[in-house]
Amino acid sequence: MLLAIDIGNSNTVLGFYRNDEIIYSHRFVTKTKITTDELKAKFFNILNFCEIKKEAVEAVLIASVVPNLNQVYNLLGTDYFNSEVFFVRDFNKNFPLKIKVDNVLEVGDDRLVNALAAYDRFRHNLIIIDFGTAITFDVVTKLDGYLGGLIFPGVNLALEYFPSATAKLPKIELEFPQQVTGSNTISAMQSGVTYGYLMMIEGIVKKICAEHNCAFKIIATGGMGEVFYSNSEIIEYYDADLTLDGLNKLYKKIK
């Protein structure tokens, strides 16, 4: 069994895989100062809840964009699970998808495995949009592989900005109003964030398609991706577990 872990800036997501089947997944807030002992206690509770024996874990594969947590999770894998521990970075030189960027070390692990998972599934020109702390756009073509993309401030950053930087604007929930023109402060703010980001997303996709002069499938993932997928005319597919699936596919290909 593989334990796949995606360490993000805001949240950490993990999944236990038996072959291509995800047995159990779990999400928790990323704490940059967590200790290995605290992680062991957390995973003890997770394993008890999902009734998985730690001895069943053969390997741990990690995508991390929080470097100072890498050693803590490495010790979790070796000491607690007594397993081999791999990081996506270990396979940059023989990554099973062609990578055509200036410096692969600058590309987030999650972006690489998202591209691998999506391309392995669709075998098509792809734009993968990940709605995390940042919104990332990743471009993959059948001819050239992974080409890079864009990074944009995430929706949560906009939601948090209103009450922290203004005197009268309140905290709001992410929700698409039925009409663009808001009739009160809350609906006006919600409309500005949701439709503003949606138009940005669809505009960027249109620009990418024109730049490469080809058709793309548009794939979404990430915590807020489903909300935009449900309200977009161009996003064709949403997969909350895309990053974990990419880790599982990477492990199977390198194994």
C-alpha atoms as a PDB file:
ATOM      1  CA  MET A   1       0.000   0.000   0.000  1.00  0.00           C
ATOM      2  CA  LEU A   2       1.198   3.510  -0.832  1.00  0.00           C
ATOM      3  CA  LEU A   3       0.721   6.495   1.440  1.00  0.00           C
ATOM      4  CA  ALA A   4       0.560   9.568  -0.817  1.00  0.00           C
ATOM      5  CA  ILE A   5       0.952  12.947   0.905  1.00  0.00           C
ATOM      6  CA  ASP A   6       0.465  16.391  -0.616  1.00  0.00           C
ATOM      7  CA  ILE A   7       1.885  19.081   1.707  1.00  0.00           C
ATOM      8  CA  GLY A   8       0.409  22.422   0.666  1.00  0.00           C
ATOM      9  CA  ASN A   9       0.778  25.890   2.131  1.00  0.00           C
ATOM     10  CA  SER A  10      -2.742  25.867   3.622  1.00  0.00           C
ATOM     11  CA  ASN A  11      -3.712  22.188   3.807  1.00  0.00           C
ATOM     12  CA  THR A  12      -2.094  18.773   3.776  1.00  0.00           C
ATOM     13  CA  VAL A  13      -3.964  15.985   1.990  1.00  0.00           C
ATOM     14  CA  LEU A  14      -3.131  12.300   2.216  1.00  0.00           C
ATOM     15  CA  GLY A  15      -4.434   9.146   0.621  1.00  0.00           C
ATOM     16  CA  PHE A  16      -3.853   5.432   1.093  1.00  0.00           C
ATOM     17  CA  TYR A  17      -3.676   3.589  -2.240  1.00  0.00           C
ATOM     18  CA  ARG A  18      -3.944  -0.079  -3.025  1.00  0.00           C
ATOM     19  CA  ASN A  19      -3.005  -0.266  -6.717  1.00  0.00           C
ATOM     20  CA  ASP A  20      -5.272   2.299  -8.411  1.00  0.00           C
ATOM     21  CA  GLU A  21      -7.879   2.392  -5.655  1.00  0.00           C
ATOM     22  CA  ILE A  22      -7.823   5.083  -3.007  1.00  0.00           C
ATOM     23  CA  ILE A  23      -8.822   3.377   0.244  1.00  0.00           C
ATOM     24  CA  TYR A  24      -9.068   6.476   2.403  1.00  0.00           C
ATOM     25  CA  SER A  25      -8.200  10.162   2.104  1.00  0.00           C
ATOM     26  CA  HIS A  26      -7.867  12.835   4.760  1.00  0.00           C
ATOM     27  CA  ARG A  27      -7.258  16.594   4.854  1.00  0.00           C
ATOM     28  CA  PHE A  28      -5.918  18.746   7.679  1.00  0.00           C
ATOM     29  CA  VAL A  29      -4.485  22.232   8.129  1.00  0.00           C
ATOM     30  CA  THR A  30      -0.743  22.501   7.435  1.00  0.00           C
ATOM     31  CA  LYS A  31       1.197  23.523  10.540  1.00  0.00           C
ATOM     32  CA  THR A  32       4.713  24.597   9.666  1.00  0.00           C
ATOM     33  CA  LYS A  33       6.055  23.990  13.183  1.00  0.00           C
ATOM     34  CA  ILE A  34       4.587  20.519  13.755  1.00  0.00           C
ATOM     35  CA  THR A  35       6.962  17.913  15.216  1.00  0.00           C
ATOM     36  CA  THR A  36       7.429  14.296  14.161  1.00  0.00           C
ATOM     37  CA  ASP A  37       5.923  13.140  17.475  1.00  0.00           C
ATOM     38  CA  GLU A  38       2.820  15.258  16.843  1.00  0.00           C
ATOM     39  CA  LEU A  39       2.541  13.801  13.346  1.00  0.00           C
ATOM     40  CA  LYS A  40       2.863  10.276  14.727  1.00  0.00           C
ATOM     41  CA  ALA A  41      -0.027  10.948  17.118  1.00  0.00           C
ATOM     42  CA  LYS A  42      -2.127  12.395  14.275  1.00  0.00           C
ATOM     43  CA  PHE A  43      -1.470   9.405  12.012  1.00  0.00           C
ATOM     44  CA  PHE A  44      -2.137   6.975  14.871  1.00  0.00           C
ATOM     45  CA  ASN A  45      -5.653   8.444  15.115  1.00  0.00           C
ATOM     46  CA  ILE A  46      -6.125   8.447  11.333  1.00  0.00           C
ATOM     47  CA  LEU A  47      -5.106   4.790  11.028  1.00  0.00           C
ATOM     48  CA  ASN A  48      -7.408   3.794  13.871  1.00  0.00           C
ATOM     49  CA  PHE A  49     -10.321   5.607  12.262  1.00  0.00           C
ATOM     50  CA  CYS A  50      -9.892   4.109   8.797  1.00  0.00           C
ATOM     51  CA  GLU A  51      -8.812   0.700  10.173  1.00  0.00           C
ATOM     52  CA  ILE A  52      -5.554   0.499   8.235  1.00  0.00           C
ATOM     53  CA  LYS A  53      -2.544  -1.157   9.849  1.00  0.00           C
ATOM     54  CA  LYS A  54       0.628   0.897   9.582  1.00  0.00           C
ATOM     55  CA  GLU A  55       2.507  -2.272   8.586  1.00  0.00           C
ATOM     56  CA  ALA A  56       0.453  -2.325   5.370  1.00  0.00           C
ATOM     57  CA  VAL A  57       2.171   0.857   4.145  1.00  0.00           C
ATOM     58  CA  GLU A  58       5.048  -0.168   1.886  1.00  0.00           C
ATOM     59  CA  ALA A  59       6.139   3.275   0.766  1.00  0.00           C
ATOM     60  CA  VAL A  60       5.471   6.976   1.326  1.00  0.00           C
ATOM     61  CA  LEU A  61       5.580   9.398  -1.617  1.00  0.00           C
ATOM     62  CA  ILE A  62       5.391  13.112  -0.860  1.00  0.00           C
ATOM     63  CA  ALA A  63       4.681  16.241  -2.891  1.00  0.00           C
ATOM     64  CA  SER A  64       5.748  19.216  -0.828  1.00  0.00           C
ATOM     65  CA  VAL A  65       5.761  22.974  -1.342  1.00  0.00           C
ATOM     66  CA  VAL A  66       6.761  23.555   2.305  1.00  0.00           C
ATOM     67  CA  PRO A  67      10.476  22.582   2.407  1.00  0.00           C
ATOM     68  CA  ASN A  68      10.927  23.005   6.168  1.00  0.00           C
ATOM     69  CA  LEU A  69       8.438  20.148   6.740  1.00  0.00           C
ATOM     70  CA  ASN A  70      10.242  17.659   4.495  1.00  0.00           C
ATOM     71  CA  GLN A  71      12.546  16.274   7.188  1.00  0.00           C
ATOM     72  CA  VAL A  72       9.666  15.924   9.665  1.00  0.00           C
ATOM     73  CA  TYR A  73       7.657  13.847   7.179  1.00  0.00           C
ATOM     74  CA  ASN A  74      10.732  11.879   6.154  1.00  0.00           C
ATOM     75  CA  LEU A  75      11.175  10.816   9.775  1.00  0.00           C
ATOM     76  CA  LEU A  76       7.467   9.971   9.989  1.00  0.00           C
ATOM     77  CA  GLY A  77       7.849   7.576   7.067  1.00  0.00           C
ATOM     78  CA  THR A  78      11.054   5.924   8.212  1.00  0.00           C
ATOM     79  CA  ASP A  79      10.437   5.827  11.974  1.00  0.00           C
ATOM     80  CA  TYR A  80       6.676   5.360  12.265  1.00  0.00           C
ATOM     81  CA  PHE A  81       5.804   3.441   9.079  1.00  0.00           C
ATOM     82  CA  ASN A  82       9.228   1.800   8.696  1.00  0.00           C
ATOM     83  CA  SER A  83       8.858   2.457   4.964  1.00  0.00           C
ATOM     84  CA  GLU A  84      10.806   3.877   2.071  1.00  0.00           C
ATOM     85  CA  VAL A  85      10.154   7.601   1.696  1.00  0.00           C
ATOM     86  CA  PHE A  86      10.299   9.375  -1.661  1.00  0.00           C
ATOM     87  CA  PHE A  87       9.792  12.983  -2.674  1.00  0.00           C
ATOM     88  CA  VAL A  88       8.681  14.065  -6.131  1.00  0.00           C
ATOM     89  CA  ARG A  89      11.966  15.977  -6.390  1.00  0.00           C
ATOM     90  CA  ASP A  90      13.838  12.643  -6.326  1.00  0.00           C
ATOM     91  CA  PHE A  91      12.562  11.916  -9.840  1.00  0.00           C
ATOM     92  CA  ASN A  92      13.039  15.242 -11.632  1.00  0.00           C
ATOM     93  CA  LYS A  93      15.679  13.753 -13.935  1.00  0.00           C
ATOM     94  CA  ASN A  94      13.559  10.762 -14.961  1.00  0.00           C
ATOM     95  CA  PHE A  95      10.051  12.129 -14.503  1.00  0.00           C
ATOM     96  CA  PRO A  96       7.654  10.067 -16.665  1.00  0.00           C
ATOM     97  CA  LEU A  97       6.351  13.160 -18.498  1.00  0.00           C
ATOM     98  CA  LYS A  98       8.462  15.409 -20.680  1.00  0.00           C
ATOM     99  CA  ILE A  99       9.155  18.712 -18.878  1.00  0.00           C
ATOM    100  CA  LYS A 100      10.027  21.763 -20.961  1.00  0.00           C
ATOM    101  CA  VAL A 101      10.633  24.669 -18.561  1.00  0.00           C
ATOM    102  CA  ASP A 102      13.631  26.862 -17.742  1.00  0.00           C
ATOM    103  CA  ASN A 103      14.195  25.360 -14.279  1.00  0.00           C
ATOM    104  CA  VAL A 104      12.234  22.342 -13.065  1.00  0.00           C
ATOM    105  CA  LEU A 105      13.290  23.075  -9.461  1.00  0.00           C
ATOM    106  CA  GLU A 106      11.079  26.163  -9.521  1.00  0.00           C
ATOM    107  CA  VAL A 107       7.954  24.159 -10.352  1.00  0.00           C
ATOM    108  CA  GLY A 108       5.826  22.983  -7.424  1.00  0.00           C
ATOM    109  CA  ASP A 109       5.685  19.228  -6.867  1.00  0.00           C
ATOM    110  CA  ASP A 110       1.891  19.342  -6.896  1.00  0.00           C
ATOM    111  CA  ARG A 111       1.866  20.980 -10.328  1.00  0.00           C
ATOM    112  CA  LEU A 112       4.061  18.252 -11.812  1.00  0.00           C
ATOM    113  CA  VAL A 113       2.032  15.348 -10.468  1.00  0.00           C
ATOM    114  CA  ASN A 114      -1.239  17.078 -11.412  1.00  0.00           C
ATOM    115  CA  ALA A 115       0.060  17.242 -14.981  1.00  0.00           C
ATOM    116  CA  LEU A 116       1.139  13.600 -14.878  1.00  0.00           C
ATOM    117  CA  ALA A 117      -2.213  12.382 -13.532  1.00  0.00           C
ATOM    118  CA  ALA A 118      -4.283  14.421 -15.973  1.00  0.00           C
ATOM    119  CA  TYR A 119      -2.215  13.542 -19.036  1.00  0.00           C
ATOM    120  CA  ASP A 120      -2.075   9.857 -18.124  1.00  0.00           C
ATOM    121  CA  ARG A 121      -5.875   9.878 -17.953  1.00  0.00           C
ATOM    122  CA  PHE A 122      -6.824  11.994 -20.975  1.00  0.00           C
ATOM    123  CA  ARG A 123      -3.848  11.823 -23.390  1.00  0.00           C
ATOM    124  CA  HIS A 124      -4.862  15.241 -24.714  1.00  0.00           C
ATOM    125  CA  ASN A 125      -3.654  18.834 -24.690  1.00  0.00           C
ATOM    126  CA  LEU A 126      -4.544  20.016 -21.188  1.00  0.00           C
ATOM    127  CA  ILE A 127      -4.881  23.095 -19.009  1.00  0.00           C
ATOM    128  CA  ILE A 128      -5.006  22.061 -15.349  1.00  0.00           C
ATOM    129  CA  ILE A 129      -6.315  24.688 -12.916  1.00  0.00           C
ATOM    130  CA  ASP A 130      -5.568  24.063  -9.244  1.00  0.00           C
ATOM    131  CA  PHE A 131      -7.578  26.185  -6.796  1.00  0.00           C
ATOM    132  CA  GLY A 132      -5.338  26.284  -3.744  1.00  0.00           C
ATOM    133  CA  THR A 133      -3.652  29.029  -1.735  1.00  0.00           C
ATOM    134  CA  ALA A 134      -2.583  30.190  -5.180  1.00  0.00           C
ATOM    135  CA  ILE A 135      -4.493  29.398  -8.361  1.00  0.00           C
ATOM    136  CA  THR A 136      -2.116  27.701 -10.783  1.00  0.00           C
ATOM    137  CA  PHE A 137      -2.618  27.069 -14.479  1.00  0.00           C
ATOM    138  CA  ASP A 138      -0.498  24.270 -15.949  1.00  0.00           C
ATOM    139  CA  VAL A 139      -0.197  23.634 -19.669  1.00  0.00           C
ATOM    140  CA  VAL A 140       0.497  20.192 -21.127  1.00  0.00           C
ATOM    141  CA  THR A 141       0.588  19.329 -24.831  1.00  0.00           C
ATOM    142  CA  LYS A 142       0.845  15.959 -26.538  1.00  0.00           C
ATOM    143  CA  LEU A 143       3.838  17.201 -28.515  1.00  0.00           C
ATOM    144  CA  ASP A 144       5.978  18.909 -25.856  1.00  0.00           C
ATOM    145  CA  GLY A 145       4.730  17.635 -22.489  1.00  0.00           C
ATOM    146  CA  TYR A 146       4.672  19.992 -19.504  1.00  0.00           C
ATOM    147  CA  LEU A 147       5.278  23.613 -20.589  1.00  0.00           C
ATOM    148  CA  GLY A 148       4.722  25.589 -17.360  1.00  0.00           C
ATOM    149  CA  GLY A 149       1.839  27.969 -16.766  1.00  0.00           C
ATOM    150  CA  LEU A 150       0.647  30.798 -14.537  1.00  0.00           C
ATOM    151  CA  ILE A 151       0.392  31.501 -10.819  1.00  0.00           C
ATOM    152  CA  PHE A 152      -2.328  33.789  -9.477  1.00  0.00           C
ATOM    153  CA  PRO A 153      -3.368  34.756  -5.910  1.00  0.00           C
ATOM    154  CA  GLY A 154      -5.985  32.307  -4.635  1.00  0.00           C
ATOM    155  CA  VAL A 155      -9.626  33.004  -3.893  1.00  0.00           C
ATOM    156  CA  ASN A 156      -9.093  32.725  -0.131  1.00  0.00           C
ATOM    157  CA  LEU A 157      -6.564  35.544  -0.251  1.00  0.00           C
ATOM    158  CA  ALA A 158      -9.229  37.812  -1.738  1.00  0.00           C
ATOM    159  CA  LEU A 159     -11.820  36.705   0.822  1.00  0.00           C
ATOM    160  CA  GLU A 160      -9.406  37.379   3.697  1.00  0.00           C
ATOM    161  CA  TYR A 161      -8.354  40.749   2.289  1.00  0.00           C
ATOM    162  CA  PHE A 162     -11.771  42.417   2.652  1.00  0.00           C
ATOM    163  CA  PRO A 163     -12.130  42.397   6.465  1.00  0.00           C
ATOM    164  CA  SER A 164      -8.395  42.808   7.134  1.00  0.00           C
ATOM    165  CA  ALA A 165      -7.795  45.799   4.880  1.00  0.00           C
ATOM    166  CA  THR A 166     -11.103  47.665   4.990  1.00  0.00           C
ATOM    167  CA  ALA A 167     -13.056  49.281   7.808  1.00  0.00           C
ATOM    168  CA  LYS A 168     -16.606  48.360   6.808  1.00  0.00           C
ATOM    169  CA  LEU A 169     -16.478  45.318   4.525  1.00  0.00           C
ATOM    170  CA  PRO A 170     -17.330  42.068   6.349  1.00  0.00           C
ATOM    171  CA  LYS A 171     -16.062  38.535   5.993  1.00  0.00           C
ATOM    172  CA  ILE A 172     -18.056  36.605   3.365  1.00  0.00           C
ATOM    173  CA  GLU A 173     -18.597  33.027   2.224  1.00  0.00           C
ATOM    174  CA  LEU A 174     -17.638  31.933  -1.281  1.00  0.00           C
ATOM    175  CA  GLU A 175     -20.947  31.711  -3.114  1.00  0.00           C
ATOM    176  CA  PHE A 176     -22.039  32.587  -6.648  1.00  0.00           C
ATOM    177  CA  PRO A 177     -24.965  35.061  -6.552  1.00  0.00           C
ATOM    178  CA  GLN A 178     -27.759  34.448  -9.049  1.00  0.00           C
ATOM    179  CA  GLN A 179     -27.031  37.762 -10.755  1.00  0.00           C
ATOM    180  CA  VAL A 180     -23.856  39.739 -11.295  1.00  0.00           C
ATOM    181  CA  THR A 181     -25.264  43.051 -10.070  1.00  0.00           C
ATOM    182  CA  GLY A 182     -25.274  42.879  -6.263  1.00  0.00           C
ATOM    183  CA  SER A 183     -28.224  44.527  -4.499  1.00  0.00           C
ATOM    184  CA  ASN A 184     -26.438  44.713  -1.118  1.00  0.00           C
ATOM    185  CA  THR A 185     -22.893  44.741   0.217  1.00  0.00           C
ATOM    186  CA  ILE A 186     -22.630  40.973   0.742  1.00  0.00           C
ATOM    187  CA  SER A 187     -23.929  40.028  -2.705  1.00  0.00           C
ATOM    188  CA  ALA A 188     -21.807  42.750  -4.329  1.00  0.00           C
ATOM    189  CA  MET A 189     -18.674  41.360  -2.662  1.00  0.00           C
ATOM    190  CA  GLN A 190     -19.572  37.782  -3.532  1.00  0.00           C
ATOM    191  CA  SER A 191     -20.253  38.769  -7.122  1.00  0.00           C
ATOM    192  CA  GLY A 192     -16.969  40.646  -7.369  1.00  0.00           C
ATOM    193  CA  VAL A 193     -14.922  37.697  -6.103  1.00  0.00           C
ATOM    194  CA  THR A 194     -16.729  34.841  -7.844  1.00  0.00           C
ATOM    195  CA  TYR A 195     -17.493  36.363 -11.225  1.00  0.00           C
ATOM    196  CA  GLY A 196     -14.258  38.350 -11.182  1.00  0.00           C
ATOM    197  CA  TYR A 197     -12.174  35.213 -10.720  1.00  0.00           C
ATOM    198  CA  LEU A 198     -14.330  33.253 -13.173  1.00  0.00           C
ATOM    199  CA  MET A 199     -13.854  35.855 -15.909  1.00  0.00           C
ATOM    200  CA  MET A 200     -10.122  35.931 -15.166  1.00  0.00           C
ATOM    201  CA  ILE A 201      -9.930  32.142 -15.432  1.00  0.00           C
ATOM    202  CA  GLU A 202     -11.884  31.952 -18.676  1.00  0.00           C
ATOM    203  CA  GLY A 203      -9.929  34.880 -20.136  1.00  0.00           C
ATOM    204  CA  ILE A 204      -6.575  33.261 -19.345  1.00  0.00           C
ATOM    205  CA  VAL A 205      -7.719  29.945 -20.829  1.00  0.00           C
ATOM    206  CA  LYS A 206      -8.767  31.738 -24.020  1.00  0.00           C
ATOM    207  CA  LYS A 207      -5.353  33.448 -24.178  1.00  0.00           C
ATOM    208  CA  ILE A 208      -3.480  30.139 -23.700  1.00  0.00           C
ATOM    209  CA  CYS A 209      -5.515  28.466 -26.453  1.00  0.00           C
ATOM    210  CA  ALA A 210      -4.731  31.333 -28.831  1.00  0.00           C
ATOM    211  CA  GLU A 211      -1.045  31.303 -27.909  1.00  0.00           C
ATOM    212  CA  HIS A 212      -0.653  27.601 -28.699  1.00  0.00           C
ATOM    213  CA  ASN A 213      -3.211  27.549 -31.526  1.00  0.00           C
ATOM    214  CA  CYS A 214      -4.778  24.271 -30.423  1.00  0.00           C
ATOM    215  CA  ALA A 215      -7.714  22.891 -28.466  1.00  0.00           C
ATOM    216  CA  PHE A 216      -7.307  22.011 -24.778  1.00  0.00           C
ATOM    217  CA  LYS A 217      -9.277  20.022 -22.251  1.00  0.00           C
ATOM    218  CA  ILE A 218      -9.743  22.099 -19.106  1.00  0.00           C
ATOM    219  CA  ILE A 219      -9.345  20.225 -15.818  1.00  0.00           C
ATOM    220  CA  ALA A 220      -9.907  21.623 -12.312  1.00  0.00           C
ATOM    221  CA  THR A 221      -8.753  20.445  -8.911  1.00  0.00           C
ATOM    222  CA  GLY A 222      -8.162  21.935  -5.445  1.00  0.00           C
ATOM    223  CA  GLY A 223     -10.423  22.834  -2.546  1.00  0.00           C
ATOM    224  CA  MET A 224     -12.453  25.536  -4.305  1.00  0.00           C
ATOM    225  CA  GLY A 225     -12.268  24.021  -7.763  1.00  0.00           C
ATOM    226  CA  GLU A 226     -15.662  22.347  -7.584  1.00  0.00           C
ATOM    227  CA  VAL A 227     -17.458  25.686  -7.020  1.00  0.00           C
ATOM    228  CA  PHE A 228     -15.933  27.170 -10.168  1.00  0.00           C
ATOM    229  CA  TYR A 229     -16.382  23.957 -12.152  1.00  0.00           C
ATOM    230  CA  SER A 230     -20.116  24.083 -11.364  1.00  0.00           C
ATOM    231  CA  ASN A 231     -20.379  27.666 -12.630  1.00  0.00           C
ATOM    232  CA  SER A 232     -18.024  27.601 -15.614  1.00  0.00           C
ATOM    233  CA  GLU A 233     -18.840  26.870 -19.236  1.00  0.00           C
ATOM    234  CA  ILE A 234     -15.273  25.857 -20.090  1.00  0.00           C
ATOM    235  CA  ILE A 235     -14.069  23.658 -17.201  1.00  0.00           C
ATOM    236  CA  GLU A 236     -14.869  20.131 -18.368  1.00  0.00           C
ATOM    237  CA  TYR A 237     -13.803  17.985 -15.439  1.00  0.00           C
ATOM    238  CA  TYR A 238     -13.189  18.296 -11.701  1.00  0.00           C
ATOM    239  CA  ASP A 239     -11.163  15.850  -9.611  1.00  0.00           C
ATOM    240  CA  ALA A 240     -10.536  16.600  -5.940  1.00  0.00           C
ATOM    241  CA  ASP A 241      -7.947  13.787  -5.728  1.00  0.00           C
ATOM    242  CA  LEU A 242      -5.918  14.677  -8.836  1.00  0.00           C
ATOM    243  CA  THR A 243      -2.689  15.393  -6.926  1.00  0.00           C
ATOM    244  CA  LEU A 244      -2.927  12.192  -4.890  1.00  0.00           C
ATOM    245  CA  ASP A 245      -3.682  10.212  -8.047  1.00  0.00           C
ATOM    246  CA  GLY A 246      -0.613  11.791  -9.647  1.00  0.00           C
ATOM    247  CA  LEU A 247       1.523  10.622  -6.747  1.00  0.00           C
ATOM    248  CA  ASN A 248       0.120   7.110  -7.073  1.00  0.00           C
ATOM    249  CA  LYS A 249       0.805   7.069 -10.824  1.00  0.00           C
ATOM    250  CA  LEU A 250       4.338   8.351 -10.294  1.00  0.00           C
ATOM    251  CA  TYR A 251       5.003   5.639  -7.730  1.00  0.00           C
ATOM    252  CA  LYS A 252       3.705   2.891 -10.019  1.00  0.00           C
ATOM    253  CA  LYS A 253       5.815   4.135 -12.925  1.00  0.00           C
ATOM    254  CA  ILE A 254       9.043   4.366 -10.902  1.00  0.00           C
ATOM    255  CA  LYS A 255       8.396   1.169  -8.963  1.00  0.00           C
END
